[in-house]
């Protein structure tokens, strides 16, 4: 997946109103993105794994973590509706976050990450940022705390999503 060196800004009421109205509920929702997609589109969402393994974390991603991330697991996927990619997602799981109770994240395969992240309740959001990617769409990235450990998830809303939610 292409790394997007974008200007990310913290999401607050002011920045939310800079986002087109159609995307405001998408970038501000605090629940499972996959569940939101399935609900809005009216059908199950499939996950197509692009990459799942060790990779270097981008500098702008590193800056969001309280500790230096020396080693991490990066999972890049497409969330698909009707076999059409509608969201690109990238999760950054520092090695120190994949211990004990979080080991299940290392074996999720093509399951949505939200099934683990929101299994019992909403995972606490530490920080959320948004960006607009020219010729592509809006994106959000969220630093969650899962069982006391950070995990960063970036979601890019692809232009094809408009067709799925307006049909």
Foldseek 3Di string as FASTA:
>chain_A
DDDDPFDKDFDDPVVLVVAPPVCSCQQPPQAANQVVLCVLLVHHKWKAWPDWAKDDDDPVVQVPDPDGQPIWIKTWIFTDDPNHGFKIKIKTGRPVNCDDPNVVVNPPPGDDPSCQCQVPHGFAWPTKIKGADPPFGIKMKTWTQDPNGTMIMIMGGGPVSVVSNVD
